[in-house]
Structure formats: structure tokens, C-alpha cells
């Protein structure tokens, strides 16, 4: 993912720099550096962002996309980064 892809993903989710960073265990300043291209996310974070983008792109229609985002938020609220990864990589592809 390039810096613009990261920014676009964050904006598509409707999350602030701080909220996006919180879910990846970094500060808003770190996210801003990713978006400006002055720093790179670690491999773990990058893999999660790529999967998140892929899942959003696969959502059919705005309703399905919003359902995915709501499920993502719930997973993050209940379990943080581990729940994020479980949600992204283990959820049934047909849902």
C-alpha cells in the first residue's frame, strides 16, 4: 500500500487519524507519517491494512460495506488488534 492508499482506507472507514492509529497500536502522528510517506507501517500492520482494503472492496453495495464496517468496529471494541485480525482473516468469505 502506498501513502495515498492508507489515507483513502482511513477516510473510507470514516476514522480520524487517532482512531485509525488506536486500532493498529500507534499514534495519530504515526498514521500521518504513513499517509505522508515519511514512515512505513510494520509488516504486521501492512498485512492487516491490505486485508481490510480487500474486504471493503469485496463488499457489494453500500449496505454490505456498512455492515462490514459495523462488524469491524464491534470486533475492535471487544478485543483490539487480535480481534481485528480474527475478524479480517477468519470471517466467512461469503458473508
N, C-alpha and C. Protein backbone atom coordinates (compact mmCIF):
# COMPACT_ATOMS: atom_id res chain seq x y z
N UNK A 1 0.85 -1.18 0.00
CA UNK A 1 0.00 0.00 0.00
C UNK A 1 0.89 1.24 0.00
N UNK A 2 0.51 2.18 -0.82
CA UNK A 2 1.25 3.44 -0.82
C UNK A 2 0.56 4.43 0.14
N UNK A 3 1.20 5.57 0.40
CA UNK A 3 0.61 6.52 1.36
C UNK A 3 -0.82 6.95 1.02
N UNK A 4 -1.11 7.15 -0.24
CA UNK A 4 -2.46 7.57 -0.63
C UNK A 4 -3.47 6.46 -0.35
N UNK A 5 -3.07 5.20 -0.56
CA UNK A 5 -3.96 4.07 -0.26
C UNK A 5 -4.31 4.02 1.22
N UNK A 6 -3.33 4.29 2.06
CA UNK A 6 -3.57 4.27 3.51
C UNK A 6 -4.55 5.37 3.89
N UNK A 7 -4.33 6.56 3.35
CA UNK A 7 -5.23 7.68 3.65
C UNK A 7 -6.64 7.38 3.14
N UNK A 8 -6.73 6.85 1.94
CA UNK A 8 -8.04 6.52 1.36
C UNK A 8 -8.76 5.47 2.20
N UNK A 9 -8.04 4.47 2.68
CA UNK A 9 -8.64 3.44 3.52
C UNK A 9 -9.18 4.06 4.81
N UNK A 10 -8.38 4.88 5.46
CA UNK A 10 -8.82 5.53 6.70
C UNK A 10 -10.06 6.37 6.46
N UNK A 11 -10.06 7.14 5.39
CA UNK A 11 -11.20 8.00 5.08
C UNK A 11 -12.44 7.19 4.70
N UNK A 12 -12.24 6.08 4.00
CA UNK A 12 -13.37 5.23 3.63
C UNK A 12 -14.04 4.65 4.88
N UNK A 13 -13.25 4.37 5.89
CA UNK A 13 -13.79 3.89 7.16
C UNK A 13 -14.43 5.01 7.96
N UNK A 14 -14.08 6.26 7.63
CA UNK A 14 -14.62 7.40 8.35
C UNK A 14 -13.94 7.60 9.70
N UNK A 15 -12.69 7.17 9.82
CA UNK A 15 -11.98 7.24 11.08
C UNK A 15 -10.97 8.39 11.08
N UNK A 16 -10.81 8.98 12.24
CA UNK A 16 -9.79 10.02 12.42
C UNK A 16 -8.41 9.36 12.43
N UNK A 17 -7.38 10.19 12.36
CA UNK A 17 -6.01 9.68 12.47
C UNK A 17 -5.83 8.93 13.79
N UNK A 18 -6.36 9.51 14.86
CA UNK A 18 -6.21 8.90 16.19
C UNK A 18 -6.93 7.55 16.29
N UNK A 19 -8.14 7.49 15.76
CA UNK A 19 -8.91 6.24 15.84
C UNK A 19 -8.25 5.15 15.00
N UNK A 20 -7.83 5.49 13.81
CA UNK A 20 -7.15 4.53 12.94
C UNK A 20 -5.88 4.03 13.61
N UNK A 21 -5.12 4.96 14.17
CA UNK A 21 -3.89 4.59 14.86
C UNK A 21 -4.14 3.72 16.07
N UNK A 22 -5.17 4.03 16.81
CA UNK A 22 -5.51 3.26 18.01
C UNK A 22 -5.70 1.79 17.69
N UNK A 23 -6.40 1.52 16.61
CA UNK A 23 -6.69 0.14 16.25
C UNK A 23 -5.46 -0.61 15.74
N UNK A 24 -4.43 0.12 15.34
CA UNK A 24 -3.20 -0.51 14.90
C UNK A 24 -2.07 -0.34 15.92
N UNK A 25 -2.42 0.19 17.08
CA UNK A 25 -1.46 0.30 18.17
C UNK A 25 -0.40 1.36 17.99
N UNK A 26 -0.75 2.42 17.25
CA UNK A 26 0.19 3.53 17.03
C UNK A 26 -0.52 4.86 17.28
N UNK A 27 0.24 5.92 17.28
CA UNK A 27 -0.32 7.26 17.49
C UNK A 27 -0.86 7.84 16.19
N UNK A 28 -1.63 8.91 16.34
CA UNK A 28 -2.13 9.64 15.17
C UNK A 28 -0.96 10.18 14.36
N UNK A 29 0.10 10.58 15.04
CA UNK A 29 1.28 11.10 14.34
C UNK A 29 1.92 10.04 13.45
N UNK A 30 1.93 8.78 13.92
CA UNK A 30 2.47 7.69 13.11
C UNK A 30 1.63 7.49 11.85
N UNK A 31 0.32 7.53 12.00
CA UNK A 31 -0.57 7.37 10.84
C UNK A 31 -0.34 8.51 9.85
N UNK A 32 -0.20 9.71 10.36
CA UNK A 32 0.06 10.86 9.49
C UNK A 32 1.37 10.67 8.72
N UNK A 33 2.37 10.13 9.36
CA UNK A 33 3.64 9.85 8.68
C UNK A 33 3.46 8.81 7.59
N UNK A 34 2.63 7.79 7.85
CA UNK A 34 2.34 6.78 6.82
C UNK A 34 1.67 7.45 5.63
N UNK A 35 0.71 8.32 5.92
CA UNK A 35 -0.05 8.98 4.85
C UNK A 35 0.80 9.97 4.07
N UNK A 36 1.81 10.51 4.68
CA UNK A 36 2.71 11.44 4.01
C UNK A 36 3.89 10.73 3.34
N UNK A 37 4.05 9.46 3.64
CA UNK A 37 5.14 8.69 3.05
C UNK A 37 6.48 8.89 3.73
N UNK A 38 6.48 9.45 4.93
CA UNK A 38 7.75 9.67 5.63
C UNK A 38 8.09 8.52 6.58
N UNK A 39 7.17 7.57 6.73
CA UNK A 39 7.40 6.37 7.53
C UNK A 39 6.52 5.27 6.95
N UNK A 40 6.85 4.04 7.28
CA UNK A 40 6.08 2.90 6.80
C UNK A 40 5.53 2.10 7.97
N UNK A 41 4.33 1.55 7.81
CA UNK A 41 3.82 0.65 8.85
C UNK A 41 4.65 -0.63 8.87
N UNK A 42 4.66 -1.32 10.02
CA UNK A 42 5.38 -2.59 10.06
C UNK A 42 4.64 -3.63 9.22
N UNK A 43 5.29 -4.75 8.98
CA UNK A 43 4.70 -5.77 8.10
C UNK A 43 3.37 -6.30 8.61
N UNK A 44 3.26 -6.46 9.91
CA UNK A 44 2.03 -6.94 10.55
C UNK A 44 0.88 -5.98 10.25
N UNK A 45 1.11 -4.70 10.47
CA UNK A 45 0.09 -3.68 10.24
C UNK A 45 -0.23 -3.56 8.76
N UNK A 46 0.77 -3.60 7.94
CA UNK A 46 0.56 -3.51 6.49
C UNK A 46 -0.30 -4.67 5.99
N UNK A 47 -0.04 -5.88 6.46
CA UNK A 47 -0.84 -7.04 6.05
C UNK A 47 -2.30 -6.86 6.48
N UNK A 48 -2.51 -6.36 7.68
CA UNK A 48 -3.87 -6.13 8.15
C UNK A 48 -4.58 -5.07 7.30
N UNK A 49 -3.87 -4.00 6.96
CA UNK A 49 -4.48 -2.94 6.13
C UNK A 49 -4.81 -3.46 4.73
N UNK A 50 -3.94 -4.27 4.17
CA UNK A 50 -4.19 -4.83 2.83
C UNK A 50 -5.44 -5.71 2.87
N UNK A 51 -5.55 -6.54 3.89
CA UNK A 51 -6.72 -7.41 4.02
C UNK A 51 -7.99 -6.58 4.26
N UNK A 52 -7.88 -5.57 5.07
CA UNK A 52 -9.02 -4.69 5.34
C UNK A 52 -9.49 -4.04 4.04
N UNK A 53 -8.57 -3.52 3.26
CA UNK A 53 -8.91 -2.89 1.98
C UNK A 53 -9.56 -3.90 1.03
N UNK A 54 -9.00 -5.11 0.99
CA UNK A 54 -9.55 -6.15 0.11
C UNK A 54 -10.99 -6.48 0.51
N UNK A 55 -11.23 -6.61 1.80
CA UNK A 55 -12.58 -6.95 2.27
C UNK A 55 -13.57 -5.82 1.98
N UNK A 56 -13.13 -4.58 2.15
CA UNK A 56 -14.01 -3.45 1.82
C UNK A 56 -14.33 -3.42 0.33
N UNK A 57 -13.32 -3.69 -0.50
CA UNK A 57 -13.53 -3.68 -1.95
C UNK A 57 -14.48 -4.79 -2.38
N UNK A 58 -14.50 -5.91 -1.65
CA UNK A 58 -15.37 -7.03 -2.00
C UNK A 58 -16.82 -6.81 -1.57
N UNK A 59 -17.04 -5.88 -0.67
CA UNK A 59 -18.41 -5.62 -0.21
C UNK A 59 -19.26 -5.14 -1.38
N UNK A 60 -20.41 -5.74 -1.52
CA UNK A 60 -21.31 -5.40 -2.62
C UNK A 60 -22.34 -4.39 -2.12
N UNK A 61 -22.23 -3.20 -2.58
CA UNK A 61 -23.18 -2.16 -2.21
C UNK A 61 -22.85 -1.50 -0.88
N UNK A 62 -23.43 -0.37 -0.71
CA UNK A 62 -23.17 0.44 0.49
C UNK A 62 -23.66 -0.25 1.75
N UNK A 63 -24.79 -0.95 1.68
CA UNK A 63 -25.33 -1.63 2.85
C UNK A 63 -24.38 -2.71 3.35
N UNK A 64 -23.87 -3.52 2.44
CA UNK A 64 -22.95 -4.59 2.84
C UNK A 64 -21.64 -4.00 3.38
N UNK A 65 -21.18 -2.93 2.77
CA UNK A 65 -19.97 -2.27 3.24
C UNK A 65 -20.17 -1.73 4.65
N UNK A 66 -21.33 -1.13 4.90
CA UNK A 66 -21.60 -0.59 6.22
C UNK A 66 -21.72 -1.71 7.26
N UNK A 67 -22.33 -2.83 6.88
CA UNK A 67 -22.40 -3.97 7.78
C UNK A 67 -21.01 -4.48 8.13
N UNK A 68 -20.13 -4.52 7.15
CA UNK A 68 -18.75 -4.95 7.40
C UNK A 68 -18.06 -3.99 8.36
N UNK A 69 -18.20 -2.69 8.13
CA UNK A 69 -17.57 -1.69 9.00
C UNK A 69 -18.13 -1.79 10.41
N UNK A 70 -19.43 -1.99 10.54
CA UNK A 70 -20.03 -2.14 11.87
C UNK A 70 -19.49 -3.38 12.58
N UNK A 71 -19.34 -4.48 11.86
CA UNK A 71 -18.76 -5.70 12.44
C UNK A 71 -17.32 -5.49 12.85
N UNK A 72 -16.60 -4.76 12.02
CA UNK A 72 -15.21 -4.43 12.31
C UNK A 72 -15.11 -3.60 13.58
N UNK A 73 -15.95 -2.58 13.69
CA UNK A 73 -15.94 -1.74 14.89
C UNK A 73 -16.23 -2.56 16.13
N UNK A 74 -17.22 -3.45 16.05
CA UNK A 74 -17.57 -4.28 17.20
C UNK A 74 -16.41 -5.17 17.59
N UNK A 75 -15.76 -5.77 16.61
CA UNK A 75 -14.60 -6.63 16.90
C UNK A 75 -13.51 -5.84 17.58
N UNK A 76 -13.26 -4.64 17.10
CA UNK A 76 -12.20 -3.81 17.68
C UNK A 76 -12.56 -3.34 19.09
N UNK A 77 -13.82 -3.03 19.31
CA UNK A 77 -14.24 -2.58 20.64
C UNK A 77 -14.10 -3.69 21.67
N UNK A 78 -14.33 -4.92 21.26
CA UNK A 78 -14.31 -6.02 22.22
C UNK A 78 -12.94 -6.64 22.39
N UNK A 79 -12.05 -6.50 21.41
CA UNK A 79 -10.79 -7.22 21.55
C UNK A 79 -9.56 -6.58 20.96
N UNK A 80 -9.64 -5.39 20.46
CA UNK A 80 -8.45 -4.70 19.94
C UNK A 80 -7.87 -5.35 18.70
N UNK A 81 -6.55 -5.33 18.61
CA UNK A 81 -5.83 -5.76 17.40
C UNK A 81 -6.05 -7.24 17.11
N UNK A 82 -6.04 -8.08 18.14
CA UNK A 82 -6.24 -9.51 17.92
C UNK A 82 -7.63 -9.76 17.33
N UNK A 83 -8.63 -9.08 17.85
CA UNK A 83 -9.98 -9.23 17.30
C UNK A 83 -10.04 -8.72 15.86
N UNK A 84 -9.31 -7.64 15.57
CA UNK A 84 -9.25 -7.12 14.20
C UNK A 84 -8.73 -8.19 13.26
N UNK A 85 -7.63 -8.82 13.62
CA UNK A 85 -7.05 -9.84 12.75
C UNK A 85 -7.97 -11.05 12.60
N UNK A 86 -8.57 -11.46 13.69
CA UNK A 86 -9.51 -12.58 13.62
C UNK A 86 -10.67 -12.24 12.70
N UNK A 87 -11.21 -11.05 12.84
CA UNK A 87 -12.33 -10.61 12.01
C UNK A 87 -11.94 -10.56 10.54
N UNK A 88 -10.76 -10.02 10.25
CA UNK A 88 -10.35 -9.86 8.86
C UNK A 88 -9.97 -11.17 8.19
N UNK A 89 -9.27 -12.05 8.90
CA UNK A 89 -8.70 -13.22 8.26
C UNK A 89 -9.51 -14.50 8.46
N UNK A 90 -10.46 -14.53 9.39
CA UNK A 90 -11.19 -15.76 9.64
C UNK A 90 -12.67 -15.68 9.33
N UNK A 91 -13.16 -14.52 8.99
CA UNK A 91 -14.59 -14.41 8.70
C UNK A 91 -14.92 -15.12 7.40
N UNK A 92 -16.06 -15.77 7.39
CA UNK A 92 -16.53 -16.47 6.20
C UNK A 92 -16.57 -15.51 5.02
N UNK A 93 -15.94 -15.88 3.95
CA UNK A 93 -15.86 -15.03 2.75
C UNK A 93 -17.21 -14.76 2.12
N UNK A 94 -18.20 -15.61 2.38
CA UNK A 94 -19.50 -15.43 1.73
C UNK A 94 -20.39 -14.45 2.45
N UNK A 95 -20.00 -14.01 3.66
CA UNK A 95 -20.88 -13.09 4.40
C UNK A 95 -20.69 -11.67 3.99
